[in-house]
Amino acid sequence: MHGIDVIYEDDDMLVVNKPANMLSQKATGGDISANEYLLGYLIRNGSLEFEEFKTFRPSVCNRLDRNTTGLLLMGKSLNGLQMLSSMLKDRTLNKYYHAVVSGEVTTGKYLKGYLTKDSRSNTVKITDEAIDDTSVYIETSYEPIKVSKECSLLEIHLITGKTHQIRAHLSSVGHPIIGDYKYGNGEINKKYKSQYNVKHQLLHAYRLEFPDGKKIIAPKPNVFNEIMDKK
């Protein structure tokens, strides 16, 4: 399905592995996003009838940055959409990511702070205290999985889910994600683009853990292991 692998499907929800360079949902009217591909998939396999589409439209429930890969959730039914939206809102659906970051990370860390978005530059700033009334409280934790002197593979628990949260939070503590051209290190990104053809941030929505104990995992892109196995 246009490079999107279906990882899990039942009557109420669809979970796929989104590739890089694809929007989760439309940003402008002319965009073709993962949401449109998934609607087409449901129509083709008979899960969504045209008459039903007039009154209920399945929708992607979580957002990943265009160049972040991994698990994307869609509510197929009204029940599924409400269930997923509720879990995301009350944080009973736990979201874990893998990232390759610059530097040697030997211990885990729990990060908290405030995120303030600059709409003009489409970037965010992380601070210890709120800057203004648009600042939102954020929490991120991580543990190293594999470590070298030059870079580290982390498992990240996204406790709150805000725009660019993981990318900006890791950059703020001196471990930017490799390939991140907004919050990363230009020289390091250039090196990994040359050596491994890294053209976007190495951030992957890896695992979802549901309140009932169900876990859904999306294999990370090969380049993650290719880099870490050579370090």
Protein backbone atom coordinates (compact mmCIF):
# COMPACT_ATOMS: atom_id res chain seq x y z
CA MET A 1 0.00 0.00 0.00
CA HIS A 2 2.16 2.85 -1.35
CA GLY A 3 5.05 1.81 0.88
CA ILE A 4 2.94 1.73 4.05
CA ASP A 5 3.05 -1.67 5.74
CA VAL A 6 -0.02 -2.76 7.69
CA ILE A 7 1.19 -3.93 11.11
CA TYR A 8 -2.14 -4.63 12.82
CA GLU A 9 -5.83 -4.49 11.89
CA ASP A 10 -9.11 -5.36 13.57
CA ASP A 11 -12.70 -4.13 13.24
CA ASP A 12 -11.99 -0.86 15.02
CA MET A 13 -8.47 0.18 14.20
CA LEU A 14 -5.66 0.01 11.69
CA VAL A 15 -1.98 0.40 12.61
CA VAL A 16 0.63 0.94 9.91
CA ASN A 17 4.36 1.59 9.60
CA LYS A 18 4.64 5.03 7.99
CA PRO A 19 7.68 5.65 5.76
CA ALA A 20 9.73 8.84 5.72
CA ASN A 21 8.71 11.77 3.53
CA MET A 22 4.98 11.29 4.06
CA LEU A 23 2.60 13.53 5.99
CA SER A 24 0.38 11.86 8.59
CA GLN A 25 -2.52 14.16 7.74
CA LYS A 26 -3.05 16.93 5.20
CA ALA A 27 -1.41 20.28 5.88
CA THR A 28 -3.02 21.93 2.83
CA GLY A 29 -5.93 20.98 0.60
CA GLY A 30 -3.75 19.56 -2.16
CA ASP A 31 -1.69 17.24 0.05
CA ILE A 32 -1.81 13.47 -0.25
CA SER A 33 -1.11 12.13 3.21
CA ALA A 34 -1.06 8.75 4.94
CA ASN A 35 -4.67 9.42 5.89
CA GLU A 36 -5.73 9.42 2.22
CA TYR A 37 -3.75 6.26 1.43
CA LEU A 38 -5.38 4.49 4.38
CA LEU A 39 -8.88 5.59 3.37
CA GLY A 40 -8.19 4.19 -0.10
CA TYR A 41 -6.99 0.93 1.44
CA LEU A 42 -10.18 0.56 3.50
CA ILE A 43 -12.40 1.27 0.48
CA ARG A 44 -10.51 -1.21 -1.74
CA ASN A 45 -10.69 -4.06 0.76
CA GLY A 46 -14.37 -3.47 1.51
CA SER A 47 -13.95 -2.25 5.08
CA LEU A 48 -15.49 1.11 4.20
CA GLU A 49 -18.61 1.46 2.06
CA PHE A 50 -19.30 4.65 0.14
CA GLU A 51 -22.63 5.23 1.92
CA GLU A 52 -20.95 4.83 5.30
CA PHE A 53 -18.25 7.29 4.22
CA LYS A 54 -20.93 10.01 3.92
CA THR A 55 -21.70 9.87 7.63
CA PHE A 56 -18.44 8.66 9.20
CA ARG A 57 -14.89 9.20 8.04
CA PRO A 58 -12.10 7.04 9.52
CA SER A 59 -9.12 9.15 10.55
CA VAL A 60 -5.50 8.96 11.63
CA CYS A 61 -5.39 9.63 15.39
CA ASN A 62 -1.73 10.41 16.08
CA ARG A 63 0.69 12.56 14.13
CA LEU A 64 4.27 11.84 13.15
CA ASP A 65 6.52 14.42 11.55
CA ARG A 66 6.83 14.00 7.78
CA ASN A 67 10.27 12.40 8.12
CA THR A 68 9.66 10.41 11.30
CA THR A 69 8.93 6.77 10.50
CA GLY A 70 6.85 4.24 12.39
CA LEU A 71 3.53 3.44 13.96
CA LEU A 72 0.53 5.44 12.83
CA LEU A 73 -2.95 4.76 14.26
CA MET A 74 -6.24 5.02 12.41
CA GLY A 75 -9.71 4.63 13.89
CA LYS A 76 -11.68 2.49 11.39
CA SER A 77 -14.99 2.76 13.24
CA LEU A 78 -16.56 5.46 15.40
CA ASN A 79 -15.90 3.22 18.41
CA GLY A 80 -12.28 2.78 17.37
CA LEU A 81 -11.78 6.49 16.78
CA GLN A 82 -13.25 7.40 20.16
CA MET A 83 -11.30 4.65 21.94
CA LEU A 84 -7.95 5.68 20.45
CA SER A 85 -8.58 9.39 20.96
CA SER A 86 -9.43 8.75 24.62
CA MET A 87 -6.29 6.65 25.19
CA LEU A 88 -4.09 9.31 23.61
CA LYS A 89 -5.73 12.07 25.63
CA ASP A 90 -5.44 10.35 29.01
CA ARG A 91 -2.00 8.83 28.17
CA THR A 92 -3.00 5.24 28.83
CA LEU A 93 -1.57 4.34 25.39
CA ASN A 94 2.20 4.34 25.89
CA LYS A 95 4.35 5.38 22.93
CA TYR A 96 7.98 4.36 22.55
CA TYR A 97 10.46 5.51 19.91
CA HIS A 98 13.93 4.54 18.75
CA ALA A 99 16.44 7.20 17.74
CA VAL A 100 20.09 7.35 16.80
CA VAL A 101 21.56 10.40 18.51
CA SER A 102 24.91 12.11 18.50
CA GLY A 103 27.26 11.38 21.40
CA GLU A 104 27.85 8.69 24.00
CA VAL A 105 24.75 8.19 26.16
CA THR A 106 25.60 5.79 28.97
CA THR A 107 22.65 6.29 31.34
CA GLY A 108 18.93 6.86 31.04
CA LYS A 109 17.31 10.16 31.85
CA TYR A 110 13.92 11.65 32.65
CA LEU A 111 13.46 15.08 31.07
CA LYS A 112 10.85 17.69 31.83
CA GLY A 113 10.41 21.29 30.80
CA TYR A 114 8.27 23.64 28.76
CA LEU A 115 7.85 23.71 25.00
CA THR A 116 7.04 26.93 23.16
CA LYS A 117 6.26 26.90 19.45
CA ASP A 118 7.34 29.56 16.96
CA SER A 119 4.79 29.30 14.16
CA ARG A 120 6.79 31.55 11.84
CA SER A 121 9.80 29.22 11.75
CA ASN A 122 7.86 26.02 12.56
CA THR A 123 10.30 25.24 15.35
CA VAL A 124 9.96 24.83 19.10
CA LYS A 125 12.07 25.94 22.04
CA ILE A 126 12.61 23.96 25.25
CA THR A 127 13.04 25.85 28.54
CA ASP A 128 12.97 25.03 32.25
CA GLU A 129 10.19 27.55 32.88
CA ALA A 130 7.22 28.67 30.78
CA ILE A 131 8.03 31.56 28.44
CA ASP A 132 4.42 32.74 27.94
CA ASP A 133 0.86 31.43 28.03
CA THR A 134 1.45 29.33 24.90
CA SER A 135 4.18 27.27 26.62
CA VAL A 136 3.17 23.68 27.40
CA TYR A 137 4.63 21.29 29.97
CA ILE A 138 6.40 18.26 28.49
CA GLU A 139 7.95 15.02 29.75
CA THR A 140 10.30 12.67 27.92
CA SER A 141 12.39 9.76 29.19
CA TYR A 142 15.00 7.62 27.49
CA GLU A 143 17.29 4.64 28.00
CA PRO A 144 20.35 3.72 25.92
CA ILE A 145 20.10 0.45 23.97
CA LYS A 146 23.46 0.47 22.19
CA VAL A 147 26.26 2.95 22.75
CA SER A 148 29.48 3.99 21.02
CA LYS A 149 31.82 6.96 21.49
CA GLU A 150 30.26 8.69 18.51
CA CYS A 151 26.56 7.90 18.65
CA SER A 152 23.91 6.03 20.65
CA LEU A 153 20.70 4.15 19.95
CA LEU A 154 18.03 5.21 22.45
CA GLU A 155 14.61 3.92 23.41
CA ILE A 156 12.45 6.94 24.20
CA HIS A 157 9.18 7.04 26.09
CA LEU A 158 7.11 9.94 24.81
CA ILE A 159 5.14 10.75 27.95
CA THR A 160 3.51 13.89 26.59
CA GLY A 161 3.10 14.22 22.84
CA LYS A 162 3.79 17.71 21.51
CA THR A 163 5.12 19.05 18.20
CA HIS A 164 8.82 18.18 17.72
CA GLN A 165 9.03 17.24 21.41
CA ILE A 166 11.53 14.39 21.17
CA ARG A 167 13.71 16.13 18.60
CA ALA A 168 13.95 19.40 20.52
CA HIS A 169 14.24 17.78 23.96
CA LEU A 170 17.18 15.58 22.95
CA SER A 171 18.88 18.49 21.20
CA SER A 172 18.46 20.62 24.33
CA VAL A 173 20.53 18.13 26.38
CA GLY A 174 23.32 17.89 23.81
CA HIS A 175 22.28 14.69 22.02
CA PRO A 176 20.53 15.78 18.81
CA ILE A 177 19.05 13.12 16.56
CA ILE A 178 21.31 12.31 13.64
CA GLY A 179 19.82 13.56 10.37
CA ASP A 180 17.70 16.21 12.08
CA TYR A 181 18.19 19.34 10.00
CA LYS A 182 16.07 21.53 12.29
CA TYR A 183 17.48 20.70 15.71
CA GLY A 184 20.64 18.77 14.88
CA ASN A 185 24.30 19.40 14.17
CA GLY A 186 25.08 20.38 10.58
CA GLU A 187 28.56 18.84 10.44
CA ILE A 188 27.42 15.56 11.97
CA ASN A 189 24.42 15.39 9.63
CA LYS A 190 26.70 16.00 6.65
CA LYS A 191 28.99 13.17 7.72
CA TYR A 192 26.16 10.64 8.10
CA LYS A 193 24.57 11.71 4.84
CA SER A 194 27.87 11.03 3.09
CA GLN A 195 28.58 7.72 4.86
CA TYR A 196 25.07 6.24 5.20
CA ASN A 197 22.86 8.37 2.92
CA VAL A 198 20.92 9.69 5.94
CA LYS A 199 18.59 12.39 4.60
CA HIS A 200 16.18 12.78 7.53
CA GLN A 201 16.07 12.42 11.30
CA LEU A 202 16.65 8.87 12.54
CA LEU A 203 13.55 8.79 14.70
CA HIS A 204 11.13 5.86 14.56
CA ALA A 205 7.83 5.30 16.40
CA TYR A 206 8.72 1.78 17.45
CA ARG A 207 6.24 0.37 19.97
CA LEU A 208 2.71 0.99 21.27
CA GLU A 209 1.53 -0.49 24.56
CA PHE A 210 -2.23 -0.55 25.13
CA PRO A 211 -4.01 -0.55 28.52
CA ASP A 212 -5.10 -4.17 27.98
CA GLY A 213 -1.47 -5.29 27.62
CA LYS A 214 -1.41 -5.53 23.82
CA LYS A 215 1.88 -4.42 22.26
CA ILE A 216 2.38 -3.46 18.62
CA ILE A 217 5.88 -3.10 17.17
CA ALA A 218 7.10 -1.70 13.84
CA PRO A 219 10.58 -2.81 12.72
CA LYS A 220 12.89 0.17 12.43
CA PRO A 221 14.61 1.08 9.15
CA ASN A 222 17.76 -0.92 8.37
CA VAL A 223 19.98 2.16 8.57
CA PHE A 224 19.57 2.26 12.38
CA ASN A 225 21.28 -1.11 12.77
CA GLU A 226 23.71 -0.43 9.91
CA ILE A 227 25.08 2.60 11.75
CA MET A 228 25.18 1.04 15.23
CA ASP A 229 26.70 -2.25 14.05
CA LYS A 230 29.68 -0.39 12.56
CA LYS A 231 30.37 1.74 15.65
